[in-house]
Amino acid sequence: MLSRPIRLAIVDDHVLLRKTLRNYLLDQRNVSVVIQTSDIPELLDNLGSSAVDIVIMDSMVSGMNTLLVFIKISLKMISDQS
Protein backbone atom coordinates (compact mmCIF):
# COMPACT_ATOMS: atom_id res chain seq x y z
CA MET A 1 0.00 0.00 0.00
CA LEU A 2 1.26 3.47 -0.88
CA SER A 3 1.96 5.92 1.89
CA ARG A 4 0.92 8.92 -0.20
CA PRO A 5 -1.33 9.37 -3.22
CA ILE A 6 0.05 9.17 -6.74
CA ARG A 7 0.19 12.76 -7.99
CA LEU A 8 -1.10 13.19 -11.55
CA ALA A 9 -1.05 15.93 -14.15
CA ILE A 10 -3.63 15.88 -16.95
CA VAL A 11 -2.79 17.76 -20.15
CA ASP A 12 -5.42 17.88 -22.89
CA ASP A 13 -6.94 20.67 -24.94
CA HIS A 14 -10.44 19.18 -24.61
CA VAL A 15 -12.06 20.50 -21.42
CA LEU A 16 -14.69 17.76 -21.29
CA LEU A 17 -12.07 15.01 -21.48
CA ARG A 18 -9.96 16.65 -18.73
CA LYS A 19 -12.96 17.05 -16.45
CA THR A 20 -14.27 13.53 -17.09
CA LEU A 21 -10.87 11.94 -16.47
CA ARG A 22 -10.33 14.06 -13.35
CA ASN A 23 -13.75 13.12 -11.95
CA TYR A 24 -13.09 9.44 -12.59
CA LEU A 25 -9.69 9.63 -10.93
CA LEU A 26 -11.07 11.46 -7.89
CA ASP A 27 -13.05 8.32 -7.08
CA GLN A 28 -9.88 6.21 -7.05
CA ARG A 29 -7.93 5.55 -3.88
CA ASN A 30 -4.35 6.75 -3.70
CA VAL A 31 -4.69 9.13 -6.67
CA SER A 32 -4.55 12.91 -6.58
CA VAL A 33 -4.91 15.14 -9.65
CA VAL A 34 -2.62 18.07 -8.84
CA ILE A 35 -2.44 19.74 -12.27
CA GLN A 36 -5.02 20.10 -15.06
CA THR A 37 -4.09 22.15 -18.08
CA SER A 38 -4.73 22.52 -21.78
CA ASP A 39 -1.15 23.15 -22.91
CA ILE A 40 2.51 22.40 -22.26
CA PRO A 41 3.69 25.91 -21.26
CA GLU A 42 1.06 26.01 -18.50
CA LEU A 43 2.09 22.52 -17.36
CA LEU A 44 5.73 23.59 -17.16
CA ASP A 45 4.75 26.69 -15.15
CA ASN A 46 2.70 24.58 -12.73
CA LEU A 47 5.43 21.99 -12.26
CA GLY A 48 7.36 24.61 -10.31
CA SER A 49 4.78 24.55 -7.53
CA SER A 50 3.27 21.06 -7.82
CA ALA A 51 5.33 17.89 -7.99
CA VAL A 52 3.85 15.06 -10.06
CA ASP A 53 4.52 11.36 -10.40
CA ILE A 54 2.64 10.76 -13.67
CA VAL A 55 1.70 13.00 -16.61
CA ILE A 56 -1.31 11.94 -18.68
CA MET A 57 -1.01 13.90 -21.92
CA ASP A 58 -2.71 14.03 -25.29
CA SER A 59 0.19 13.55 -27.68
CA MET A 60 -1.35 16.02 -30.13
CA VAL A 61 -1.83 18.84 -27.62
CA SER A 62 1.69 20.20 -27.80
CA GLY A 63 2.10 20.88 -31.50
CA MET A 64 5.66 19.62 -31.10
CA ASN A 65 7.45 16.30 -30.96
CA THR A 66 6.12 14.29 -28.00
CA LEU A 67 9.61 13.07 -27.07
CA LEU A 68 10.82 16.68 -26.93
CA VAL A 69 7.89 17.53 -24.66
CA PHE A 70 8.82 14.74 -22.23
CA ILE A 71 12.45 15.91 -22.24
CA LYS A 72 11.30 19.45 -21.37
CA ILE A 73 9.08 18.10 -18.59
CA SER A 74 11.95 16.01 -17.20
CA LEU A 75 14.39 18.92 -17.32
CA LYS A 76 11.87 21.20 -15.60
CA MET A 77 11.29 18.67 -12.82
CA ILE A 78 15.04 18.12 -12.34
CA SER A 79 15.78 21.86 -12.23
CA ASP A 80 13.00 22.46 -9.70
CA GLN A 81 14.42 19.77 -7.38
CA SER A 82 17.86 21.39 -7.19
C-alpha atoms as a PDB file:
ATOM      1  CA  MET A   1       0.000   0.000   0.000  1.00  0.00           C
ATOM      2  CA  LEU A   2       1.264   3.467  -0.878  1.00  0.00           C
ATOM      3  CA  SER A   3       1.964   5.924   1.888  1.00  0.00           C
ATOM      4  CA  ARG A   4       0.919   8.917  -0.204  1.00  0.00           C
ATOM      5  CA  PRO A   5      -1.331   9.366  -3.218  1.00  0.00           C
ATOM      6  CA  ILE A   6       0.054   9.166  -6.744  1.00  0.00           C
ATOM      7  CA  ARG A   7       0.189  12.757  -7.990  1.00  0.00           C
ATOM      8  CA  LEU A   8      -1.099  13.187 -11.552  1.00  0.00           C
ATOM      9  CA  ALA A   9      -1.054  15.926 -14.150  1.00  0.00           C
ATOM     10  CA  ILE A  10      -3.632  15.879 -16.951  1.00  0.00           C
ATOM     11  CA  VAL A  11      -2.785  17.761 -20.151  1.00  0.00           C
ATOM     12  CA  ASP A  12      -5.417  17.877 -22.891  1.00  0.00           C
ATOM     13  CA  ASP A  13      -6.938  20.672 -24.938  1.00  0.00           C
ATOM     14  CA  HIS A  14     -10.440  19.178 -24.612  1.00  0.00           C
ATOM     15  CA  VAL A  15     -12.058  20.501 -21.423  1.00  0.00           C
ATOM     16  CA  LEU A  16     -14.688  17.761 -21.295  1.00  0.00           C
ATOM     17  CA  LEU A  17     -12.074  15.012 -21.481  1.00  0.00           C
ATOM     18  CA  ARG A  18      -9.964  16.647 -18.733  1.00  0.00           C
ATOM     19  CA  LYS A  19     -12.960  17.049 -16.448  1.00  0.00           C
ATOM     20  CA  THR A  20     -14.268  13.528 -17.091  1.00  0.00           C
ATOM     21  CA  LEU A  21     -10.871  11.944 -16.466  1.00  0.00           C
ATOM     22  CA  ARG A  22     -10.334  14.056 -13.346  1.00  0.00           C
ATOM     23  CA  ASN A  23     -13.752  13.119 -11.946  1.00  0.00           C
ATOM     24  CA  TYR A  24     -13.091   9.444 -12.590  1.00  0.00           C
ATOM     25  CA  LEU A  25      -9.688   9.629 -10.929  1.00  0.00           C
ATOM     26  CA  LEU A  26     -11.066  11.463  -7.892  1.00  0.00           C
ATOM     27  CA  ASP A  27     -13.047   8.320  -7.075  1.00  0.00           C
ATOM     28  CA  GLN A  28      -9.876   6.209  -7.048  1.00  0.00           C
ATOM     29  CA  ARG A  29      -7.934   5.548  -3.879  1.00  0.00           C
ATOM     30  CA  ASN A  30      -4.348   6.755  -3.702  1.00  0.00           C
ATOM     31  CA  VAL A  31      -4.690   9.134  -6.670  1.00  0.00           C
ATOM     32  CA  SER A  32      -4.554  12.907  -6.580  1.00  0.00           C
ATOM     33  CA  VAL A  33      -4.910  15.144  -9.646  1.00  0.00           C
ATOM     34  CA  VAL A  34      -2.621  18.067  -8.844  1.00  0.00           C
ATOM     35  CA  ILE A  35      -2.442  19.742 -12.269  1.00  0.00           C
ATOM     36  CA  GLN A  36      -5.016  20.104 -15.056  1.00  0.00           C
ATOM     37  CA  THR A  37      -4.086  22.151 -18.076  1.00  0.00           C
ATOM     38  CA  SER A  38      -4.734  22.523 -21.776  1.00  0.00           C
ATOM     39  CA  ASP A  39      -1.149  23.147 -22.905  1.00  0.00           C
ATOM     40  CA  ILE A  40       2.513  22.396 -22.263  1.00  0.00           C
ATOM     41  CA  PRO A  41       3.686  25.912 -21.260  1.00  0.00           C
ATOM     42  CA  GLU A  42       1.056  26.007 -18.496  1.00  0.00           C
ATOM     43  CA  LEU A  43       2.087  22.523 -17.365  1.00  0.00           C
ATOM     44  CA  LEU A  44       5.726  23.593 -17.164  1.00  0.00           C
ATOM     45  CA  ASP A  45       4.747  26.687 -15.147  1.00  0.00           C
ATOM     46  CA  ASN A  46       2.696  24.576 -12.730  1.00  0.00           C
ATOM     47  CA  LEU A  47       5.431  21.988 -12.263  1.00  0.00           C
ATOM     48  CA  GLY A  48       7.361  24.614 -10.314  1.00  0.00           C
ATOM     49  CA  SER A  49       4.782  24.553  -7.527  1.00  0.00           C
ATOM     50  CA  SER A  50       3.273  21.062  -7.820  1.00  0.00           C
ATOM     51  CA  ALA A  51       5.329  17.888  -7.992  1.00  0.00           C
ATOM     52  CA  VAL A  52       3.845  15.064 -10.061  1.00  0.00           C
ATOM     53  CA  ASP A  53       4.525  11.363 -10.401  1.00  0.00           C
ATOM     54  CA  ILE A  54       2.642  10.762 -13.674  1.00  0.00           C
ATOM     55  CA  VAL A  55       1.698  13.004 -16.612  1.00  0.00           C
ATOM     56  CA  ILE A  56      -1.310  11.943 -18.685  1.00  0.00           C
ATOM     57  CA  MET A  57      -1.006  13.896 -21.919  1.00  0.00           C
ATOM     58  CA  ASP A  58      -2.713  14.030 -25.287  1.00  0.00           C
ATOM     59  CA  SER A  59       0.194  13.552 -27.683  1.00  0.00           C
ATOM     60  CA  MET A  60      -1.351  16.021 -30.128  1.00  0.00           C
ATOM     61  CA  VAL A  61      -1.827  18.842 -27.619  1.00  0.00           C
ATOM     62  CA  SER A  62       1.693  20.205 -27.798  1.00  0.00           C
ATOM     63  CA  GLY A  63       2.100  20.882 -31.503  1.00  0.00           C
ATOM     64  CA  MET A  64       5.665  19.623 -31.100  1.00  0.00           C
ATOM     65  CA  ASN A  65       7.446  16.301 -30.958  1.00  0.00           C
ATOM     66  CA  THR A  66       6.121  14.287 -27.997  1.00  0.00           C
ATOM     67  CA  LEU A  67       9.608  13.070 -27.068  1.00  0.00           C
ATOM     68  CA  LEU A  68      10.818  16.681 -26.932  1.00  0.00           C
ATOM     69  CA  VAL A  69       7.892  17.535 -24.656  1.00  0.00           C
ATOM     70  CA  PHE A  70       8.825  14.744 -22.231  1.00  0.00           C
ATOM     71  CA  ILE A  71      12.449  15.905 -22.239  1.00  0.00           C
ATOM     72  CA  LYS A  72      11.304  19.449 -21.374  1.00  0.00           C
ATOM     73  CA  ILE A  73       9.079  18.102 -18.587  1.00  0.00           C
ATOM     74  CA  SER A  74      11.953  16.011 -17.200  1.00  0.00           C
ATOM     75  CA  LEU A  75      14.390  18.922 -17.316  1.00  0.00           C
ATOM     76  CA  LYS A  76      11.872  21.205 -15.601  1.00  0.00           C
ATOM     77  CA  MET A  77      11.289  18.674 -12.819  1.00  0.00           C
ATOM     78  CA  ILE A  78      15.037  18.120 -12.338  1.00  0.00           C
ATOM     79  CA  SER A  79      15.781  21.857 -12.230  1.00  0.00           C
ATOM     80  CA  ASP A  80      13.003  22.459  -9.696  1.00  0.00           C
ATOM     81  CA  GLN A  81      14.419  19.766  -7.381  1.00  0.00           C
ATOM     82  CA  SER A  82      17.859  21.386  -7.193  1.00  0.00           C
END
